[in-house]
Amino acid sequence: MAAQLGTFEEVKGRLEQIVDEVSAEGVTLGEALALYEEAVKLGLAACDLSEQGALEAAAAEEARAAEGAGADAGAAGADSGAPAGDAEAAASAEGEAAPAADEGAL
């Protein structure tokens, strides 16, 4: 039955049904045991779905961060008014100290 449930919410819903069924009067020991076994399998499926969701969310966040970093890097060069390869002018426009061109000459 766990294979038929595709989302975490579906698994959770079935687990809630199992709790209701086990709590009902007149449930035999055999029925309760079968429901327990199903609940254990569903619990494992819920863990897998949760981990999968967490991994997908982390990958999406990394992709957004990478896109943002790429856009920020392009914007920094564009905002400085300097050509993309002119690090000294870009650093000066940002208010940072420009790297020395020839530090060994001192």
C-alpha atoms as a PDB file:
ATOM      1  CA  MET A   1       0.000   0.000   0.000  1.00  0.00           C
ATOM      2  CA  ALA A   2       2.900   2.407   0.694  1.00  0.00           C
ATOM      3  CA  ALA A   3       3.934   2.288  -2.962  1.00  0.00           C
ATOM      4  CA  GLN A   4       0.521   3.646  -3.973  1.00  0.00           C
ATOM      5  CA  LEU A   5       0.919   6.724  -1.784  1.00  0.00           C
ATOM      6  CA  GLY A   6       3.074   9.278  -3.571  1.00  0.00           C
ATOM      7  CA  THR A   7       3.198  12.276  -1.273  1.00  0.00           C
ATOM      8  CA  PHE A   8       4.052  12.837   2.340  1.00  0.00           C
ATOM      9  CA  GLU A   9       0.532  14.142   2.961  1.00  0.00           C
ATOM     10  CA  GLU A  10      -1.006  10.949   1.536  1.00  0.00           C
ATOM     11  CA  VAL A  11       1.202   8.795   3.752  1.00  0.00           C
ATOM     12  CA  LYS A  12       0.329  10.893   6.782  1.00  0.00           C
ATOM     13  CA  GLY A  13      -3.370  10.608   5.962  1.00  0.00           C
ATOM     14  CA  ARG A  14      -3.175   6.834   5.735  1.00  0.00           C
ATOM     15  CA  LEU A  15      -1.288   6.675   9.040  1.00  0.00           C
ATOM     16  CA  GLU A  16      -4.077   8.688  10.662  1.00  0.00           C
ATOM     17  CA  GLN A  17      -6.617   6.207   9.242  1.00  0.00           C
ATOM     18  CA  ILE A  18      -4.629   3.331  10.703  1.00  0.00           C
ATOM     19  CA  VAL A  19      -4.660   4.984  14.132  1.00  0.00           C
ATOM     20  CA  ASP A  20      -8.433   5.292  13.916  1.00  0.00           C
ATOM     21  CA  GLU A  21      -8.813   1.671  12.782  1.00  0.00           C
ATOM     22  CA  VAL A  22      -6.592   0.303  15.558  1.00  0.00           C
ATOM     23  CA  SER A  23      -8.393   2.435  18.127  1.00  0.00           C
ATOM     24  CA  ALA A  24     -11.828   1.111  17.109  1.00  0.00           C
ATOM     25  CA  GLU A  25     -13.550  -1.470  19.244  1.00  0.00           C
ATOM     26  CA  GLY A  26     -13.597  -5.018  18.003  1.00  0.00           C
ATOM     27  CA  VAL A  27     -10.228  -4.978  16.201  1.00  0.00           C
ATOM     28  CA  THR A  28      -8.679  -8.419  16.426  1.00  0.00           C
ATOM     29  CA  LEU A  29      -5.067  -8.941  17.310  1.00  0.00           C
ATOM     30  CA  GLY A  30      -4.365 -10.154  13.759  1.00  0.00           C
ATOM     31  CA  GLU A  31      -5.933  -7.053  12.238  1.00  0.00           C
ATOM     32  CA  ALA A  32      -4.042  -4.794  14.627  1.00  0.00           C
ATOM     33  CA  LEU A  33      -0.784  -6.552  13.792  1.00  0.00           C
ATOM     34  CA  ALA A  34      -1.391  -6.170  10.036  1.00  0.00           C
ATOM     35  CA  LEU A  35      -2.177  -2.484  10.525  1.00  0.00           C
ATOM     36  CA  TYR A  36       0.950  -2.071  12.638  1.00  0.00           C
ATOM     37  CA  GLU A  37       3.101  -3.637   9.919  1.00  0.00           C
ATOM     38  CA  GLU A  38       1.554  -1.325   7.333  1.00  0.00           C
ATOM     39  CA  ALA A  39       2.173   1.649   9.618  1.00  0.00           C
ATOM     40  CA  VAL A  40       5.848   0.725   9.986  1.00  0.00           C
ATOM     41  CA  LYS A  41       6.255   0.555   6.192  1.00  0.00           C
ATOM     42  CA  LEU A  42       4.432   3.854   5.818  1.00  0.00           C
ATOM     43  CA  GLY A  43       6.660   5.425   8.452  1.00  0.00           C
ATOM     44  CA  LEU A  44       9.738   4.391   6.507  1.00  0.00           C
ATOM     45  CA  ALA A  45       8.185   5.729   3.296  1.00  0.00           C
ATOM     46  CA  ALA A  46       7.423   9.014   5.073  1.00  0.00           C
ATOM     47  CA  CYS A  47      11.071   9.292   6.144  1.00  0.00           C
ATOM     48  CA  ASP A  48      12.223   8.666   2.575  1.00  0.00           C
ATOM     49  CA  LEU A  49       9.786  11.244   1.203  1.00  0.00           C
ATOM     50  CA  SER A  50      10.876  13.757   3.829  1.00  0.00           C
ATOM     51  CA  GLU A  51      14.568  13.261   3.025  1.00  0.00           C
ATOM     52  CA  GLN A  52      13.848  13.488  -0.697  1.00  0.00           C
ATOM     53  CA  GLY A  53      11.955  16.732  -0.156  1.00  0.00           C
ATOM     54  CA  ALA A  54      14.764  18.148   1.959  1.00  0.00           C
ATOM     55  CA  LEU A  55      17.362  17.256  -0.687  1.00  0.00           C
ATOM     56  CA  GLU A  56      15.247  18.812  -3.439  1.00  0.00           C
ATOM     57  CA  ALA A  57      14.757  21.977  -1.385  1.00  0.00           C
ATOM     58  CA  ALA A  58      18.493  22.207  -0.685  1.00  0.00           C
ATOM     59  CA  ALA A  59      19.318  21.746  -4.371  1.00  0.00           C
ATOM     60  CA  ALA A  60      16.798  24.427  -5.341  1.00  0.00           C
ATOM     61  CA  GLU A  61      18.265  26.803  -2.744  1.00  0.00           C
ATOM     62  CA  GLU A  62      21.790  26.172  -4.036  1.00  0.00           C
ATOM     63  CA  ALA A  63      20.625  26.847  -7.586  1.00  0.00           C
ATOM     64  CA  ARG A  64      18.981  30.124  -6.515  1.00  0.00           C
ATOM     65  CA  ALA A  65      22.132  31.125  -4.623  1.00  0.00           C
ATOM     66  CA  ALA A  66      24.312  30.325  -7.625  1.00  0.00           C
ATOM     67  CA  GLU A  67      22.047  32.344  -9.904  1.00  0.00           C
ATOM     68  CA  GLY A  68      22.077  35.226  -7.441  1.00  0.00           C
ATOM     69  CA  ALA A  69      25.874  35.110  -7.111  1.00  0.00           C
ATOM     70  CA  GLY A  70      26.256  35.146 -10.875  1.00  0.00           C
ATOM     71  CA  ALA A  71      23.882  38.074 -11.198  1.00  0.00           C
ATOM     72  CA  ASP A  72      25.607  39.925  -8.335  1.00  0.00           C
ATOM     73  CA  ALA A  73      29.034  39.444  -9.902  1.00  0.00           C
ATOM     74  CA  GLY A  74      27.815  40.786 -13.217  1.00  0.00           C
ATOM     75  CA  ALA A  75      26.051  43.683 -11.515  1.00  0.00           C
ATOM     76  CA  ALA A  76      29.150  44.653  -9.516  1.00  0.00           C
ATOM     77  CA  GLY A  77      31.155  45.193 -12.678  1.00  0.00           C
ATOM     78  CA  ALA A  78      28.283  47.015 -14.310  1.00  0.00           C
ATOM     79  CA  ASP A  79      27.591  49.211 -11.280  1.00  0.00           C
ATOM     80  CA  SER A  80      31.186  50.412 -10.987  1.00  0.00           C
ATOM     81  CA  GLY A  81      31.164  51.972 -14.416  1.00  0.00           C
ATOM     82  CA  ALA A  82      34.444  50.232 -15.159  1.00  0.00           C
ATOM     83  CA  PRO A  83      35.066  47.560 -17.770  1.00  0.00           C
ATOM     84  CA  ALA A  84      34.567  44.053 -16.408  1.00  0.00           C
ATOM     85  CA  GLY A  85      38.325  43.294 -16.430  1.00  0.00           C
ATOM     86  CA  ASP A  86      39.435  46.530 -14.719  1.00  0.00           C
ATOM     87  CA  ALA A  87      39.733  45.331 -11.099  1.00  0.00           C
ATOM     88  CA  GLU A  88      41.544  48.460  -9.890  1.00  0.00           C
ATOM     89  CA  ALA A  89      38.813  50.812 -11.136  1.00  0.00           C
ATOM     90  CA  ALA A  90      36.086  48.507  -9.782  1.00  0.00           C
ATOM     91  CA  ALA A  91      37.743  48.376  -6.347  1.00  0.00           C
ATOM     92  CA  SER A  92      38.143  52.158  -6.362  1.00  0.00           C
ATOM     93  CA  ALA A  93      34.482  52.641  -7.261  1.00  0.00           C
ATOM     94  CA  GLU A  94      33.502  50.309  -4.412  1.00  0.00           C
ATOM     95  CA  GLY A  95      35.575  52.367  -1.937  1.00  0.00           C
ATOM     96  CA  GLU A  96      38.135  49.622  -1.435  1.00  0.00           C
ATOM     97  CA  ALA A  97      41.881  49.976  -1.630  1.00  0.00           C
ATOM     98  CA  ALA A  98      43.157  49.203  -5.094  1.00  0.00           C
ATOM     99  CA  PRO A  99      45.708  46.402  -5.315  1.00  0.00           C
ATOM    100  CA  ALA A 100      49.267  47.615  -5.855  1.00  0.00           C
ATOM    101  CA  ALA A 101      50.394  47.103  -9.419  1.00  0.00           C
ATOM    102  CA  ASP A 102      54.006  46.307  -8.540  1.00  0.00           C
ATOM    103  CA  GLU A 103      54.517  45.568  -4.871  1.00  0.00           C
ATOM    104  CA  GLY A 104      58.025  44.164  -5.470  1.00  0.00           C
ATOM    105  CA  ALA A 105      59.349  47.510  -6.744  1.00  0.00           C
ATOM    106  CA  LEU A 106      59.367  49.071  -3.269  1.00  0.00           C
END
